C-alpha atoms as a PDB file:
ATOM      1  CA  UNK A   1      15.536  -1.041   6.624  1.00  0.00           C
ATOM      2  CA  UNK A   2      15.844   2.400   4.948  1.00  0.00           C
ATOM      3  CA  UNK A   3      17.337   2.519   1.459  1.00  0.00           C
ATOM      4  CA  UNK A   4      19.534   5.270   0.378  1.00  0.00           C
ATOM      5  CA  UNK A   5      20.898   6.123  -3.020  1.00  0.00           C
ATOM      6  CA  UNK A   6      24.814   5.914  -3.396  1.00  0.00           C
ATOM      7  CA  UNK A   7      26.365   8.405  -5.948  1.00  0.00           C
ATOM      8  CA  UNK A   8      28.340   6.793  -8.681  1.00  0.00           C
ATOM      9  CA  UNK A   9      32.022   7.473  -9.157  1.00  0.00           C
ATOM     10  CA  UNK A  10      32.484  10.776 -10.629  1.00  0.00           C
ATOM     11  CA  UNK A  11      28.851  11.831  -9.945  1.00  0.00           C
ATOM     12  CA  UNK A  12      29.217  13.010  -6.314  1.00  0.00           C
ATOM     13  CA  UNK A  13      29.818  16.779  -7.228  1.00  0.00           C
ATOM     14  CA  UNK A  14      27.147  19.337  -7.575  1.00  0.00           C
ATOM     15  CA  UNK A  15      28.297  20.233 -11.141  1.00  0.00           C
ATOM     16  CA  UNK A  16      28.135  16.512 -12.348  1.00  0.00           C
ATOM     17  CA  UNK A  17      24.760  16.031 -10.765  1.00  0.00           C
ATOM     18  CA  UNK A  18      23.266  18.981 -12.579  1.00  0.00           C
ATOM     19  CA  UNK A  19      24.821  18.167 -16.148  1.00  0.00           C
ATOM     20  CA  UNK A  20      24.456  14.487 -15.547  1.00  0.00           C
ATOM     21  CA  UNK A  21      27.948  14.075 -16.977  1.00  0.00           C
ATOM     22  CA  UNK A  22      30.526  11.612 -15.498  1.00  0.00           C
ATOM     23  CA  UNK A  23      34.018  13.503 -15.076  1.00  0.00           C
ATOM     24  CA  UNK A  24      36.724  11.306 -16.245  1.00  0.00           C
ATOM     25  CA  UNK A  25      39.705  11.467 -14.091  1.00  0.00           C
ATOM     26  CA  UNK A  26      41.299   9.560 -10.693  1.00  0.00           C
ATOM     27  CA  UNK A  27      39.138   8.645  -7.927  1.00  0.00           C
ATOM     28  CA  UNK A  28      40.958   7.732  -4.517  1.00  0.00           C
ATOM     29  CA  UNK A  29      39.864   4.309  -3.329  1.00  0.00           C
ATOM     30  CA  UNK A  30      40.218   3.262   0.314  1.00  0.00           C
ATOM     31  CA  UNK A  31      39.934  -0.482   1.193  1.00  0.00           C
ATOM     32  CA  UNK A  32      40.580  -0.760   4.886  1.00  0.00           C
ATOM     33  CA  UNK A  33      43.974  -0.009   6.512  1.00  0.00           C
ATOM     34  CA  UNK A  34      46.584  -0.192   4.068  1.00  0.00           C
ATOM     35  CA  UNK A  35      48.131   1.839   1.160  1.00  0.00           C
ATOM     36  CA  UNK A  36      45.813   3.852  -0.828  1.00  0.00           C
ATOM     37  CA  UNK A  37      45.487   3.090  -4.352  1.00  0.00           C
ATOM     38  CA  UNK A  38      44.384   5.272  -7.264  1.00  0.00           C
ATOM     39  CA  UNK A  39      41.511   4.055  -9.502  1.00  0.00           C
ATOM     40  CA  UNK A  40      41.221   5.050 -13.027  1.00  0.00           C
ATOM     41  CA  UNK A  41      37.697   6.128 -13.880  1.00  0.00           C
ATOM     42  CA  UNK A  42      38.237   7.314 -17.433  1.00  0.00           C
ATOM     43  CA  UNK A  43      40.916   8.307 -19.753  1.00  0.00           C
ATOM     44  CA  UNK A  44      44.452   9.095 -18.596  1.00  0.00           C
ATOM     45  CA  UNK A  45      46.363  12.178 -19.429  1.00  0.00           C
ATOM     46  CA  UNK A  46      49.775  11.506 -20.934  1.00  0.00           C
ATOM     47  CA  UNK A  47      52.361  14.352 -20.661  1.00  0.00           C
ATOM     48  CA  UNK A  48      55.303  14.392 -23.020  1.00  0.00           C
ATOM     49  CA  UNK A  49      57.767  16.736 -24.082  1.00  0.00           C
ATOM     50  CA  UNK A  50      61.404  17.924 -23.580  1.00  0.00           C
ATOM     51  CA  UNK A  51      60.417  20.352 -20.979  1.00  0.00           C
ATOM     52  CA  UNK A  52      60.517  19.622 -17.257  1.00  0.00           C
ATOM     53  CA  UNK A  53      62.544  17.668 -14.773  1.00  0.00           C
ATOM     54  CA  UNK A  54      63.476  13.981 -15.339  1.00  0.00           C
ATOM     55  CA  UNK A  55      65.347  11.409 -13.223  1.00  0.00           C
ATOM     56  CA  UNK A  56      67.149   8.587 -14.851  1.00  0.00           C
ATOM     57  CA  UNK A  57      66.042   5.209 -13.978  1.00  0.00           C
ATOM     58  CA  UNK A  58      67.915   3.085 -11.724  1.00  0.00           C
ATOM     59  CA  UNK A  59      70.017   0.587 -13.494  1.00  0.00           C
ATOM     60  CA  UNK A  60      70.685  -1.672 -10.687  1.00  0.00           C
ATOM     61  CA  UNK A  61      68.030  -4.413  -9.613  1.00  0.00           C
ATOM     62  CA  UNK A  62      69.820  -5.383  -6.455  1.00  0.00           C
ATOM     63  CA  UNK A  63      68.215  -3.481  -3.306  1.00  0.00           C
ATOM     64  CA  UNK A  64      70.304  -1.035  -1.644  1.00  0.00           C
ATOM     65  CA  UNK A  65      71.673  -2.480   1.552  1.00  0.00           C
ATOM     66  CA  UNK A  66      71.370   0.971   3.389  1.00  0.00           C
ATOM     67  CA  UNK A  67      67.777   1.080   2.884  1.00  0.00           C
ATOM     68  CA  UNK A  68      66.966  -2.485   3.591  1.00  0.00           C
ATOM     69  CA  UNK A  69      66.157  -2.868   7.383  1.00  0.00           C
ATOM     70  CA  UNK A  70      64.808  -5.557   9.499  1.00  0.00           C
ATOM     71  CA  UNK A  71      61.529  -5.192  11.024  1.00  0.00           C
ATOM     72  CA  UNK A  72      61.835  -7.349  14.147  1.00  0.00           C
ATOM     73  CA  UNK A  73      65.225  -5.331  15.064  1.00  0.00           C
ATOM     74  CA  UNK A  74      63.564  -2.045  14.758  1.00  0.00           C
ATOM     75  CA  UNK A  75      60.668  -2.950  16.922  1.00  0.00           C
ATOM     76  CA  UNK A  76      63.107  -4.500  19.596  1.00  0.00           C
ATOM     77  CA  UNK A  77      64.880  -1.040  19.609  1.00  0.00           C
ATOM     78  CA  UNK A  78      61.600   0.778  20.003  1.00  0.00           C
ATOM     79  CA  UNK A  79      60.470  -1.228  22.613  1.00  0.00           C
ATOM     80  CA  UNK A  80      63.700  -0.741  24.598  1.00  0.00           C
ATOM     81  CA  UNK A  81      63.328   3.053  24.217  1.00  0.00           C
ATOM     82  CA  UNK A  82      59.814   2.900  25.567  1.00  0.00           C
ATOM     83  CA  UNK A  83      60.785   0.914  28.438  1.00  0.00           C
ATOM     84  CA  UNK A  84      63.808   2.923  29.414  1.00  0.00           C
ATOM     85  CA  UNK A  85      62.172   6.346  29.313  1.00  0.00           C
ATOM     86  CA  UNK A  86      63.739   9.583  30.114  1.00  0.00           C
ATOM     87  CA  UNK A  87      66.569   9.495  32.831  1.00  0.00           C
ATOM     88  CA  UNK A  88      65.427  10.589  36.423  1.00  0.00           C
ATOM     89  CA  UNK A  89      67.845  13.513  36.391  1.00  0.00           C
ATOM     90  CA  UNK A  90      66.305  14.998  33.261  1.00  0.00           C
ATOM     91  CA  UNK A  91      62.795  14.915  34.834  1.00  0.00           C
ATOM     92  CA  UNK A  92      64.440  16.624  37.666  1.00  0.00           C
ATOM     93  CA  UNK A  93      65.915  19.268  35.570  1.00  0.00           C
ATOM     94  CA  UNK A  94      62.703  19.767  33.762  1.00  0.00           C
ATOM     95  CA  UNK A  95      60.671  20.313  36.877  1.00  0.00           C
ATOM     96  CA  UNK A  96      63.292  22.654  38.295  1.00  0.00           C
ATOM     97  CA  UNK A  97      63.380  24.699  34.947  1.00  0.00           C
ATOM     98  CA  UNK A  98      59.571  24.967  35.206  1.00  0.00           C
ATOM     99  CA  UNK A  99      59.817  25.870  38.870  1.00  0.00           C
ATOM    100  CA  UNK A 100      62.343  28.719  37.873  1.00  0.00           C
ATOM    101  CA  UNK A 101      60.030  29.923  35.063  1.00  0.00           C
ATOM    102  CA  UNK A 102      57.204  30.186  37.492  1.00  0.00           C
ATOM    103  CA  UNK A 103      59.148  32.099  40.018  1.00  0.00           C
ATOM    104  CA  UNK A 104      60.223  34.434  37.096  1.00  0.00           C
ATOM    105  CA  UNK A 105      56.452  34.847  36.283  1.00  0.00           C
ATOM    106  CA  UNK A 106      55.927  35.694  39.807  1.00  0.00           C
ATOM    107  CA  UNK A 107      58.329  38.359  39.760  1.00  0.00           C
ATOM    108  CA  UNK A 108      56.686  39.928  36.690  1.00  0.00           C
ATOM    109  CA  UNK A 109      53.480  39.837  38.400  1.00  0.00           C
ATOM    110  CA  UNK A 110      55.011  41.461  41.531  1.00  0.00           C
ATOM    111  CA  UNK A 111      56.252  44.286  39.274  1.00  0.00           C
ATOM    112  CA  UNK A 112      52.614  44.768  38.329  1.00  0.00           C
ATOM    113  CA  UNK A 113      51.609  45.167  41.688  1.00  0.00           C
ATOM    114  CA  UNK A 114      50.115  41.335  42.095  1.00  0.00           C
ATOM    115  CA  UNK A 115      52.096  39.793  44.815  1.00  0.00           C
ATOM    116  CA  UNK A 116      54.889  40.499  47.017  1.00  0.00           C
ATOM    117  CA  UNK A 117      58.264  41.137  45.046  1.00  0.00           C
ATOM    118  CA  UNK A 118      60.577  39.868  48.175  1.00  0.00           C
ATOM    119  CA  UNK A 119      58.772  36.510  48.258  1.00  0.00           C
ATOM    120  CA  UNK A 120      59.265  36.185  44.462  1.00  0.00           C
ATOM    121  CA  UNK A 121      62.925  37.280  44.548  1.00  0.00           C
ATOM    122  CA  UNK A 122      63.548  34.703  47.686  1.00  0.00           C
ATOM    123  CA  UNK A 123      62.118  31.788  45.864  1.00  0.00           C
ATOM    124  CA  UNK A 124      64.343  32.440  42.646  1.00  0.00           C
ATOM    125  CA  UNK A 125      67.474  32.797  44.849  1.00  0.00           C
ATOM    126  CA  UNK A 126      66.437  29.618  46.570  1.00  0.00           C
ATOM    127  CA  UNK A 127      65.919  27.758  43.303  1.00  0.00           C
ATOM    128  CA  UNK A 128      69.100  28.822  42.033  1.00  0.00           C
ATOM    129  CA  UNK A 129      71.147  27.400  44.722  1.00  0.00           C
ATOM    130  CA  UNK A 130      70.190  23.814  43.701  1.00  0.00           C
ATOM    131  CA  UNK A 131      70.364  23.440  39.992  1.00  0.00           C
ATOM    132  CA  UNK A 132      70.314  19.935  38.932  1.00  0.00           C
ATOM    133  CA  UNK A 133      72.558  18.385  36.252  1.00  0.00           C
ATOM    134  CA  UNK A 134      70.982  17.041  32.934  1.00  0.00           C
ATOM    135  CA  UNK A 135      72.049  14.072  30.536  1.00  0.00           C
ATOM    136  CA  UNK A 136      70.425  15.526  27.517  1.00  0.00           C
ATOM    137  CA  UNK A 137      72.750  18.301  25.919  1.00  0.00           C
ATOM    138  CA  UNK A 138      69.535  20.230  24.616  1.00  0.00           C
ATOM    139  CA  UNK A 139      68.005  20.294  27.868  1.00  0.00           C
ATOM    140  CA  UNK A 140      71.407  21.552  29.413  1.00  0.00           C
ATOM    141  CA  UNK A 141      71.400  24.348  27.021  1.00  0.00           C
ATOM    142  CA  UNK A 142      67.616  25.302  27.815  1.00  0.00           C
ATOM    143  CA  UNK A 143      68.250  25.060  31.631  1.00  0.00           C
ATOM    144  CA  UNK A 144      71.476  27.112  31.263  1.00  0.00           C
ATOM    145  CA  UNK A 145      69.296  29.873  29.502  1.00  0.00           C
ATOM    146  CA  UNK A 146      66.901  30.024  32.251  1.00  0.00           C
ATOM    147  CA  UNK A 147      69.341  30.279  35.055  1.00  0.00           C
ATOM    148  CA  UNK A 148      71.164  32.948  33.185  1.00  0.00           C
ATOM    149  CA  UNK A 149      67.846  35.035  32.816  1.00  0.00           C
ATOM    150  CA  UNK A 150      67.365  34.397  36.595  1.00  0.00           C
ATOM    151  CA  UNK A 151      70.719  35.675  37.600  1.00  0.00           C
ATOM    152  CA  UNK A 152      70.066  38.622  35.320  1.00  0.00           C
ATOM    153  CA  UNK A 153      66.859  39.510  37.172  1.00  0.00           C
ATOM    154  CA  UNK A 154      68.321  38.962  40.646  1.00  0.00           C
ATOM    155  CA  UNK A 155      71.367  41.114  39.796  1.00  0.00           C
ATOM    156  CA  UNK A 156      68.917  43.898  38.359  1.00  0.00           C
ATOM    157  CA  UNK A 157      67.388  43.976  41.739  1.00  0.00           C
ATOM    158  CA  UNK A 158      70.510  43.624  43.959  1.00  0.00           C
ATOM    159  CA  UNK A 159      69.790  40.265  45.139  1.00  0.00           C
ATOM    160  CA  UNK A 160      72.785  38.082  45.700  1.00  0.00           C
END
């Protein structure tokens, strides 16, 4: 079994090893999963004075009912969200939006001379005919923006 030296608290930095002085201060201690605690390894610094920001201590000893929550109720809600997943029509709208964006990229490539512009424009107009509805209002805004961009590109090129 190989033996190795473990540095003492406060002696792990190069400056402390060279001067052989233990630096006072705080060292973070981790003892498995859970909160991290601070361990004092020397004198503590006390700050006093009128300058600075201070908060008046809370006078009530009763817990705030808005902050207190029940663990099992929260877990049940999280499990329900996980089991439900996103609605099927939102998945379809995301897929359709990605297809529209890839067709717009094909139009851009055709402008650079890579690919046929007629094929890319035909794909855009075909995708524009079948725009699915969404349940998520944020997704609906994004999809509407993509559809608007497709309509602008088709109008610029004279495709109905």
